[in-house]
N, C-alpha and C. Protein backbone atom coordinates (compact mmCIF):
# COMPACT_ATOMS: atom_id res chain seq x y z
N MET A 1 -138.82 -91.35 16.44
CA MET A 1 -139.69 -90.20 16.56
C MET A 1 -139.66 -89.69 18.00
N ILE A 2 -139.70 -88.39 18.11
CA ILE A 2 -139.85 -87.77 19.43
C ILE A 2 -141.29 -87.28 19.50
N LYS A 3 -142.00 -87.76 20.49
CA LYS A 3 -143.41 -87.42 20.62
C LYS A 3 -143.59 -86.41 21.75
N ILE A 4 -144.22 -85.30 21.42
CA ILE A 4 -144.47 -84.25 22.40
C ILE A 4 -145.96 -84.28 22.72
N ASP A 5 -146.28 -84.86 23.85
CA ASP A 5 -147.67 -84.97 24.29
C ASP A 5 -147.81 -84.36 25.67
N SER A 6 -148.99 -84.46 26.26
CA SER A 6 -149.23 -83.82 27.56
C SER A 6 -148.33 -84.40 28.65
N ALA A 7 -148.03 -85.67 28.61
CA ALA A 7 -147.14 -86.27 29.62
C ALA A 7 -145.73 -85.68 29.50
N PHE A 8 -145.22 -85.56 28.28
CA PHE A 8 -143.91 -84.97 28.04
C PHE A 8 -143.88 -83.53 28.56
N VAL A 9 -144.92 -82.78 28.21
CA VAL A 9 -145.02 -81.37 28.60
C VAL A 9 -145.05 -81.23 30.12
N GLU A 10 -145.78 -82.07 30.79
CA GLU A 10 -145.86 -81.99 32.26
C GLU A 10 -144.52 -82.28 32.92
N VAL A 11 -143.77 -83.22 32.38
CA VAL A 11 -142.44 -83.53 32.94
C VAL A 11 -141.50 -82.35 32.80
N ILE A 12 -141.44 -81.77 31.61
CA ILE A 12 -140.52 -80.64 31.41
C ILE A 12 -140.97 -79.42 32.22
N ALA A 13 -142.29 -79.22 32.36
CA ALA A 13 -142.79 -78.10 33.18
C ALA A 13 -142.40 -78.29 34.64
N GLU A 14 -142.50 -79.51 35.12
CA GLU A 14 -142.11 -79.79 36.51
C GLU A 14 -140.61 -79.61 36.70
N ASN A 15 -139.82 -80.02 35.71
CA ASN A 15 -138.37 -79.81 35.78
C ASN A 15 -138.03 -78.33 35.88
N ALA A 16 -138.76 -77.49 35.15
CA ALA A 16 -138.52 -76.04 35.22
C ALA A 16 -138.85 -75.51 36.61
N LYS A 17 -139.97 -75.94 37.17
CA LYS A 17 -140.36 -75.48 38.50
C LYS A 17 -139.32 -75.83 39.55
N LEU A 18 -138.67 -76.98 39.39
CA LEU A 18 -137.68 -77.45 40.36
C LEU A 18 -136.27 -76.90 40.11
N SER A 19 -136.06 -76.33 38.94
CA SER A 19 -134.75 -75.83 38.56
C SER A 19 -134.43 -74.50 39.26
N GLU A 20 -133.18 -74.33 39.60
CA GLU A 20 -132.74 -73.07 40.21
C GLU A 20 -132.97 -71.89 39.26
N ARG A 21 -132.79 -72.11 37.96
CA ARG A 21 -132.97 -71.06 36.96
C ARG A 21 -134.43 -70.89 36.55
N LYS A 22 -135.30 -71.76 37.03
CA LYS A 22 -136.74 -71.73 36.73
C LYS A 22 -137.03 -71.92 35.24
N ARG A 23 -136.18 -72.74 34.61
CA ARG A 23 -136.46 -73.14 33.24
C ARG A 23 -135.78 -74.48 32.96
N ALA A 24 -136.32 -75.17 31.97
CA ALA A 24 -135.77 -76.45 31.55
C ALA A 24 -135.97 -76.58 30.06
N SER A 25 -135.04 -77.28 29.41
CA SER A 25 -135.19 -77.48 27.97
C SER A 25 -134.87 -78.92 27.61
N PHE A 26 -135.39 -79.31 26.48
CA PHE A 26 -135.13 -80.63 25.92
C PHE A 26 -134.73 -80.41 24.48
N ASN A 27 -133.53 -80.86 24.12
CA ASN A 27 -133.04 -80.71 22.75
C ASN A 27 -133.70 -81.74 21.84
N LEU A 28 -134.27 -81.26 20.76
CA LEU A 28 -134.84 -82.14 19.74
C LEU A 28 -133.81 -82.46 18.65
N HIS A 29 -132.80 -81.61 18.52
CA HIS A 29 -131.74 -81.85 17.54
C HIS A 29 -130.76 -82.88 18.09
N LYS A 30 -130.04 -83.51 17.20
CA LYS A 30 -129.12 -84.59 17.58
C LYS A 30 -127.77 -84.07 18.08
N SER A 31 -127.32 -82.94 17.51
CA SER A 31 -126.01 -82.44 17.93
C SER A 31 -125.96 -80.93 17.74
N TYR A 32 -124.95 -80.31 18.34
CA TYR A 32 -124.75 -78.87 18.18
C TYR A 32 -124.40 -78.51 16.73
N ASP A 33 -123.98 -79.48 15.94
CA ASP A 33 -123.63 -79.24 14.55
C ASP A 33 -124.84 -79.16 13.62
N ASP A 34 -126.01 -79.59 14.10
CA ASP A 34 -127.21 -79.53 13.27
C ASP A 34 -127.44 -78.11 12.76
N LYS A 35 -127.84 -78.00 11.50
CA LYS A 35 -128.08 -76.69 10.90
C LYS A 35 -129.37 -76.06 11.38
N LEU A 36 -130.22 -76.87 12.00
CA LEU A 36 -131.46 -76.36 12.59
C LEU A 36 -131.54 -76.86 14.03
N GLN A 37 -131.41 -75.93 14.96
CA GLN A 37 -131.47 -76.26 16.38
C GLN A 37 -132.93 -76.18 16.84
N ARG A 38 -133.40 -77.22 17.56
CA ARG A 38 -134.80 -77.29 17.99
C ARG A 38 -134.85 -77.71 19.45
N PHE A 39 -135.67 -77.02 20.22
CA PHE A 39 -135.77 -77.27 21.65
C PHE A 39 -137.23 -77.20 22.10
N VAL A 40 -137.52 -77.89 23.18
CA VAL A 40 -138.76 -77.65 23.92
C VAL A 40 -138.30 -76.93 25.18
N ASN A 41 -138.83 -75.73 25.40
CA ASN A 41 -138.42 -74.90 26.54
C ASN A 41 -139.58 -74.66 27.49
N ALA A 42 -139.35 -74.98 28.75
CA ALA A 42 -140.30 -74.64 29.80
C ALA A 42 -139.69 -73.48 30.58
N ILE A 43 -140.47 -72.42 30.73
CA ILE A 43 -139.97 -71.22 31.42
C ILE A 43 -141.00 -70.80 32.45
N GLU A 44 -140.55 -70.64 33.67
CA GLU A 44 -141.41 -70.20 34.77
C GLU A 44 -141.31 -68.68 34.95
N PRO A 45 -142.33 -68.08 35.54
CA PRO A 45 -142.25 -66.64 35.83
C PRO A 45 -140.98 -66.28 36.60
N TYR A 46 -140.41 -65.17 36.24
CA TYR A 46 -139.20 -64.60 36.81
C TYR A 46 -137.93 -65.39 36.51
N SER A 47 -138.00 -66.34 35.59
CA SER A 47 -136.77 -66.87 35.02
C SER A 47 -136.24 -65.77 34.12
N TYR A 48 -134.97 -65.49 34.21
CA TYR A 48 -134.41 -64.35 33.48
C TYR A 48 -133.53 -64.83 32.33
N VAL A 49 -133.89 -64.41 31.14
CA VAL A 49 -133.09 -64.65 29.94
C VAL A 49 -132.54 -63.28 29.54
N GLN A 50 -131.25 -63.06 29.76
CA GLN A 50 -130.67 -61.76 29.46
C GLN A 50 -130.89 -61.40 27.99
N PRO A 51 -131.36 -60.18 27.72
CA PRO A 51 -131.52 -59.78 26.32
C PRO A 51 -130.22 -60.01 25.55
N HIS A 52 -130.39 -60.50 24.34
CA HIS A 52 -129.26 -60.86 23.50
C HIS A 52 -129.67 -60.80 22.04
N LYS A 53 -128.68 -60.89 21.17
CA LYS A 53 -128.96 -60.99 19.74
C LYS A 53 -128.03 -62.04 19.15
N HIS A 54 -128.41 -62.51 17.97
CA HIS A 54 -127.62 -63.50 17.26
C HIS A 54 -127.06 -62.82 16.01
N GLU A 55 -125.78 -62.52 16.08
CA GLU A 55 -125.13 -61.75 15.01
C GLU A 55 -123.70 -62.24 14.85
N ASN A 56 -123.32 -62.48 13.62
CA ASN A 56 -121.95 -62.87 13.29
C ASN A 56 -121.53 -64.13 14.04
N PRO A 57 -122.14 -65.25 13.80
CA PRO A 57 -123.04 -65.53 12.69
C PRO A 57 -124.48 -65.10 12.97
N ASP A 58 -125.13 -64.64 11.93
CA ASP A 58 -126.52 -64.20 12.01
C ASP A 58 -127.43 -65.41 12.10
N LYS A 59 -128.40 -65.34 13.03
CA LYS A 59 -129.33 -66.46 13.21
C LYS A 59 -130.71 -65.92 13.50
N ARG A 60 -131.70 -66.57 12.89
CA ARG A 60 -133.10 -66.29 13.19
C ARG A 60 -133.54 -67.22 14.31
N GLU A 61 -134.61 -66.83 14.98
CA GLU A 61 -135.13 -67.64 16.08
C GLU A 61 -136.65 -67.59 16.04
N ILE A 62 -137.27 -68.74 16.24
CA ILE A 62 -138.73 -68.84 16.25
C ILE A 62 -139.15 -69.44 17.57
N PHE A 63 -140.22 -68.89 18.16
CA PHE A 63 -140.85 -69.47 19.34
C PHE A 63 -142.28 -69.82 18.98
N ILE A 64 -142.69 -71.04 19.31
CA ILE A 64 -144.05 -71.52 19.08
C ILE A 64 -144.59 -72.00 20.43
N ILE A 65 -145.64 -71.36 20.90
CA ILE A 65 -146.20 -71.69 22.22
C ILE A 65 -146.96 -73.02 22.16
N ILE A 66 -146.76 -73.83 23.18
CA ILE A 66 -147.50 -75.08 23.32
C ILE A 66 -148.51 -74.96 24.45
N LYS A 67 -148.06 -74.33 25.53
CA LYS A 67 -148.89 -74.23 26.73
C LYS A 67 -148.56 -72.93 27.46
N GLY A 68 -149.57 -72.26 27.97
CA GLY A 68 -149.36 -71.09 28.79
C GLY A 68 -149.23 -69.81 28.01
N LYS A 69 -148.41 -68.90 28.58
CA LYS A 69 -148.31 -67.55 28.03
C LYS A 69 -146.89 -67.03 28.26
N MET A 70 -146.30 -66.49 27.20
CA MET A 70 -144.96 -65.91 27.27
C MET A 70 -144.93 -64.58 26.53
N LEU A 71 -144.09 -63.71 27.01
CA LEU A 71 -143.87 -62.40 26.40
C LEU A 71 -142.53 -62.41 25.69
N VAL A 72 -142.53 -62.05 24.42
CA VAL A 72 -141.29 -61.88 23.66
C VAL A 72 -141.13 -60.39 23.41
N VAL A 73 -139.96 -59.87 23.77
CA VAL A 73 -139.69 -58.44 23.64
C VAL A 73 -138.45 -58.25 22.78
N SER A 74 -138.54 -57.29 21.85
CA SER A 74 -137.34 -56.89 21.11
C SER A 74 -136.96 -55.49 21.58
N PHE A 75 -135.67 -55.21 21.48
CA PHE A 75 -135.11 -53.95 21.97
C PHE A 75 -134.26 -53.30 20.90
N ASP A 76 -134.15 -51.98 20.97
CA ASP A 76 -133.19 -51.30 20.10
C ASP A 76 -131.81 -51.42 20.73
N ASP A 77 -130.81 -50.89 20.09
CA ASP A 77 -129.43 -51.05 20.57
C ASP A 77 -129.16 -50.33 21.89
N ASN A 78 -130.08 -49.45 22.32
CA ASN A 78 -129.92 -48.74 23.59
C ASN A 78 -130.73 -49.34 24.72
N GLY A 79 -131.47 -50.41 24.44
CA GLY A 79 -132.25 -51.07 25.48
C GLY A 79 -133.69 -50.63 25.57
N ASN A 80 -134.12 -49.77 24.67
CA ASN A 80 -135.53 -49.36 24.65
C ASN A 80 -136.37 -50.45 23.99
N ILE A 81 -137.58 -50.65 24.50
CA ILE A 81 -138.46 -51.64 23.91
C ILE A 81 -138.84 -51.19 22.51
N ALA A 82 -138.56 -52.04 21.53
CA ALA A 82 -138.89 -51.74 20.13
C ALA A 82 -140.22 -52.36 19.74
N ASP A 83 -140.48 -53.57 20.25
CA ASP A 83 -141.71 -54.27 19.92
C ASP A 83 -141.91 -55.39 20.94
N HIS A 84 -143.09 -55.93 20.95
CA HIS A 84 -143.36 -57.09 21.82
C HIS A 84 -144.52 -57.89 21.27
N PHE A 85 -144.62 -59.13 21.72
CA PHE A 85 -145.70 -60.01 21.31
C PHE A 85 -145.94 -60.99 22.44
N ILE A 86 -147.21 -61.21 22.75
CA ILE A 86 -147.55 -62.19 23.78
C ILE A 86 -147.95 -63.48 23.08
N LEU A 87 -147.14 -64.51 23.31
CA LEU A 87 -147.49 -65.85 22.85
C LEU A 87 -148.49 -66.40 23.85
N ASP A 88 -149.66 -66.78 23.38
CA ASP A 88 -150.72 -67.22 24.30
C ASP A 88 -151.47 -68.39 23.65
N ALA A 89 -151.24 -69.59 24.18
CA ALA A 89 -151.87 -70.79 23.62
C ALA A 89 -153.39 -70.71 23.69
N GLY A 90 -153.93 -69.98 24.66
CA GLY A 90 -155.38 -69.88 24.82
C GLY A 90 -156.03 -68.77 24.01
N LYS A 91 -155.22 -67.93 23.35
CA LYS A 91 -155.78 -66.79 22.61
C LYS A 91 -155.37 -66.79 21.14
N ASP A 92 -154.96 -67.94 20.64
CA ASP A 92 -154.60 -68.07 19.22
C ASP A 92 -153.46 -67.13 18.80
N LYS A 93 -152.49 -66.95 19.68
CA LYS A 93 -151.28 -66.18 19.36
C LYS A 93 -150.12 -67.15 19.53
N PHE A 94 -149.82 -67.89 18.47
CA PHE A 94 -149.01 -69.09 18.57
C PHE A 94 -147.52 -68.97 18.35
N ALA A 95 -147.07 -68.03 17.53
CA ALA A 95 -145.66 -68.06 17.17
C ALA A 95 -145.14 -66.69 16.79
N ILE A 96 -143.82 -66.56 16.89
CA ILE A 96 -143.14 -65.34 16.47
C ILE A 96 -141.76 -65.72 15.95
N GLU A 97 -141.33 -65.03 14.90
CA GLU A 97 -139.96 -65.19 14.41
C GLU A 97 -139.21 -63.90 14.68
N ILE A 98 -138.03 -64.05 15.25
CA ILE A 98 -137.17 -62.90 15.56
C ILE A 98 -136.04 -62.91 14.53
N PRO A 99 -135.90 -61.82 13.78
CA PRO A 99 -134.83 -61.78 12.79
C PRO A 99 -133.45 -61.73 13.46
N GLU A 100 -132.45 -62.05 12.68
CA GLU A 100 -131.08 -61.93 13.16
C GLU A 100 -130.78 -60.48 13.51
N LYS A 101 -129.81 -60.28 14.36
CA LYS A 101 -129.27 -58.96 14.74
C LYS A 101 -130.24 -58.12 15.56
N ILE A 102 -131.26 -58.71 16.16
CA ILE A 102 -132.24 -57.98 16.97
C ILE A 102 -132.11 -58.42 18.42
N TYR A 103 -131.87 -57.47 19.31
CA TYR A 103 -131.87 -57.80 20.74
C TYR A 103 -133.27 -58.25 21.15
N HIS A 104 -133.33 -59.31 21.94
CA HIS A 104 -134.62 -59.85 22.36
C HIS A 104 -134.47 -60.65 23.66
N SER A 105 -135.62 -60.87 24.27
CA SER A 105 -135.69 -61.75 25.44
C SER A 105 -137.09 -62.34 25.49
N ILE A 106 -137.24 -63.34 26.33
CA ILE A 106 -138.53 -64.00 26.50
C ILE A 106 -138.80 -64.13 28.00
N PHE A 107 -140.05 -63.87 28.39
CA PHE A 107 -140.45 -63.90 29.79
C PHE A 107 -141.72 -64.72 29.92
N SER A 108 -141.77 -65.57 30.92
CA SER A 108 -142.98 -66.34 31.18
C SER A 108 -143.99 -65.47 31.92
N LEU A 109 -145.22 -65.50 31.45
CA LEU A 109 -146.29 -64.75 32.11
C LEU A 109 -147.22 -65.66 32.90
N GLU A 110 -146.93 -66.97 32.86
CA GLU A 110 -147.81 -67.94 33.51
C GLU A 110 -147.00 -69.19 33.85
N SER A 111 -147.19 -69.71 35.05
CA SER A 111 -146.50 -70.93 35.44
C SER A 111 -146.89 -72.07 34.52
N GLY A 112 -145.93 -72.92 34.19
CA GLY A 112 -146.19 -74.05 33.32
C GLY A 112 -146.11 -73.74 31.84
N SER A 113 -145.59 -72.56 31.49
CA SER A 113 -145.52 -72.16 30.08
C SER A 113 -144.42 -72.92 29.34
N ILE A 114 -144.75 -73.35 28.13
CA ILE A 114 -143.82 -74.15 27.33
C ILE A 114 -143.90 -73.71 25.87
N ALA A 115 -142.73 -73.58 25.25
CA ALA A 115 -142.65 -73.21 23.84
C ALA A 115 -141.61 -74.08 23.15
N ILE A 116 -141.81 -74.26 21.87
CA ILE A 116 -140.77 -74.85 21.03
C ILE A 116 -139.96 -73.70 20.46
N GLU A 117 -138.65 -73.83 20.52
CA GLU A 117 -137.73 -72.84 19.97
C GLU A 117 -137.01 -73.47 18.79
N ILE A 118 -136.92 -72.73 17.72
CA ILE A 118 -136.19 -73.18 16.53
C ILE A 118 -135.23 -72.06 16.17
N LYS A 119 -133.97 -72.45 15.96
CA LYS A 119 -132.94 -71.45 15.68
C LYS A 119 -131.97 -72.02 14.65
N ASP A 120 -131.45 -71.14 13.81
CA ASP A 120 -130.42 -71.56 12.87
C ASP A 120 -129.23 -72.13 13.64
N GLY A 121 -128.63 -73.15 13.11
CA GLY A 121 -127.44 -73.75 13.70
C GLY A 121 -126.25 -73.47 12.79
N PRO A 122 -125.14 -74.06 13.07
CA PRO A 122 -124.87 -74.88 14.25
C PRO A 122 -124.72 -74.02 15.50
N TYR A 123 -124.74 -74.66 16.65
CA TYR A 123 -124.60 -73.97 17.93
C TYR A 123 -123.14 -74.03 18.37
N MET A 124 -122.58 -72.86 18.60
CA MET A 124 -121.23 -72.76 19.16
C MET A 124 -121.32 -71.80 20.34
N PRO A 125 -121.17 -72.29 21.56
CA PRO A 125 -121.33 -71.43 22.74
C PRO A 125 -120.50 -70.14 22.70
N SER A 126 -119.35 -70.18 22.06
CA SER A 126 -118.46 -69.01 22.04
C SER A 126 -119.00 -67.85 21.23
N ASN A 127 -119.91 -68.12 20.26
CA ASN A 127 -120.38 -67.02 19.43
C ASN A 127 -121.89 -67.05 19.18
N ASP A 128 -122.63 -67.81 19.97
CA ASP A 128 -124.07 -67.94 19.75
C ASP A 128 -124.84 -66.68 20.08
N LYS A 129 -124.47 -66.00 21.16
CA LYS A 129 -125.23 -64.83 21.62
C LYS A 129 -124.29 -63.67 21.88
N ILE A 130 -124.81 -62.48 21.58
CA ILE A 130 -124.17 -61.24 22.03
C ILE A 130 -125.12 -60.67 23.07
N PHE A 131 -124.68 -60.65 24.30
CA PHE A 131 -125.54 -60.18 25.40
C PHE A 131 -125.55 -58.66 25.46
N ALA A 132 -126.71 -58.12 25.78
CA ALA A 132 -126.88 -56.67 25.91
C ALA A 132 -126.13 -56.18 27.14
N THR A 133 -125.30 -55.18 26.95
CA THR A 133 -124.55 -54.62 28.08
C THR A 133 -125.42 -53.70 28.93
N TRP A 134 -126.57 -53.28 28.41
CA TRP A 134 -127.47 -52.37 29.13
C TRP A 134 -128.47 -53.12 30.02
N ALA A 135 -128.41 -54.44 30.05
CA ALA A 135 -129.33 -55.23 30.88
C ALA A 135 -128.52 -56.01 31.91
N PRO A 136 -129.15 -56.34 33.05
CA PRO A 136 -128.42 -57.12 34.05
C PRO A 136 -128.03 -58.49 33.50
N LYS A 137 -126.94 -59.02 34.01
CA LYS A 137 -126.51 -60.37 33.65
C LYS A 137 -127.35 -61.37 34.44
N GLU A 138 -127.51 -62.55 33.88
CA GLU A 138 -128.24 -63.59 34.59
C GLU A 138 -127.59 -63.84 35.95
N GLY A 139 -128.42 -63.92 36.97
CA GLY A 139 -127.93 -64.14 38.33
C GLY A 139 -127.73 -62.85 39.12
N ASP A 140 -127.75 -61.70 38.44
CA ASP A 140 -127.60 -60.41 39.10
C ASP A 140 -128.83 -60.15 39.97
N GLU A 141 -128.63 -59.48 41.08
CA GLU A 141 -129.76 -59.19 41.99
C GLU A 141 -130.78 -58.24 41.37
N GLN A 142 -130.46 -57.58 40.27
CA GLN A 142 -131.37 -56.64 39.62
C GLN A 142 -132.32 -57.30 38.60
N CYS A 143 -132.19 -58.60 38.39
CA CYS A 143 -132.98 -59.27 37.35
C CYS A 143 -134.49 -59.16 37.59
N LYS A 144 -134.94 -59.40 38.80
CA LYS A 144 -136.38 -59.34 39.09
C LYS A 144 -136.91 -57.92 38.84
N ALA A 145 -136.18 -56.91 39.30
CA ALA A 145 -136.59 -55.52 39.09
C ALA A 145 -136.61 -55.19 37.60
N TYR A 146 -135.67 -55.73 36.84
CA TYR A 146 -135.63 -55.49 35.40
C TYR A 146 -136.88 -56.08 34.74
N ILE A 147 -137.22 -57.31 35.11
CA ILE A 147 -138.43 -57.95 34.56
C ILE A 147 -139.67 -57.14 34.94
N ASP A 148 -139.75 -56.75 36.21
CA ASP A 148 -140.90 -55.95 36.66
C ASP A 148 -141.00 -54.64 35.87
N GLY A 149 -139.86 -54.02 35.56
CA GLY A 149 -139.86 -52.79 34.78
C GLY A 149 -140.39 -53.00 33.37
N ILE A 150 -139.99 -54.09 32.74
CA ILE A 150 -140.49 -54.42 31.39
C ILE A 150 -142.01 -54.61 31.45
N LEU A 151 -142.47 -55.40 32.43
CA LEU A 151 -143.90 -55.66 32.56
C LEU A 151 -144.68 -54.38 32.80
N GLN A 152 -144.13 -53.51 33.65
CA GLN A 152 -144.81 -52.24 33.96
C GLN A 152 -144.90 -51.36 32.70
N LYS A 153 -143.81 -51.27 31.94
CA LYS A 153 -143.82 -50.45 30.73
C LYS A 153 -144.87 -50.94 29.73
N LEU A 154 -145.11 -52.25 29.72
CA LEU A 154 -146.07 -52.83 28.77
C LEU A 154 -147.45 -53.05 29.40
N ASN A 155 -147.60 -52.60 30.66
CA ASN A 155 -148.86 -52.75 31.39
C ASN A 155 -149.32 -54.22 31.44
N LEU A 156 -148.38 -55.09 31.80
CA LEU A 156 -148.65 -56.53 31.88
C LEU A 156 -148.37 -57.04 33.28
N LYS A 157 -148.99 -58.17 33.60
CA LYS A 157 -148.76 -58.82 34.89
C LYS A 157 -148.57 -60.30 34.66
N ILE A 158 -147.90 -60.91 35.61
CA ILE A 158 -147.74 -62.36 35.59
C ILE A 158 -148.97 -62.97 36.23
N SER A 159 -149.57 -63.93 35.56
CA SER A 159 -150.80 -64.58 36.04
C SER A 159 -150.49 -65.54 37.19
N SER A 160 -151.31 -65.52 38.20
CA SER A 160 -151.30 -66.50 39.28
C SER A 160 -149.90 -66.69 39.89
N PHE A 161 -149.23 -65.60 40.17
CA PHE A 161 -147.90 -65.74 40.77
C PHE A 161 -147.88 -64.99 42.08
């Protein structure tokens, strides 16, 4: 059994804070071949996950908040915000499922935020994600400005940052 308790959560949250990418994950699945991929993800504010979709093969993705607050955004094919949802452990907004073929990203709104991610498998790095060409690539100097633009459009702020 893999037990996810406050001690586990604190370790992964600290790993994210110390990581260059400002996120850390722990795989709950045994291999990339598993038909159901499961992770515990810690994401810090301004960690950038380039908008992407899971298509060909089509895959659904679920995020379930454990601690903190995260913003999940979906986009149309031109990069316009189509919808959004704030996962907030303190406000009874616990989970969201993103259908296949939908561009999306996730942003931490609070330090120490952690979610469980569940996605159809198997995982093959060569075809897992189709990255949006209209958004900066991870590591690009425009990533922070891109995140700030999303937050501004949705009238949101990052807590205690």
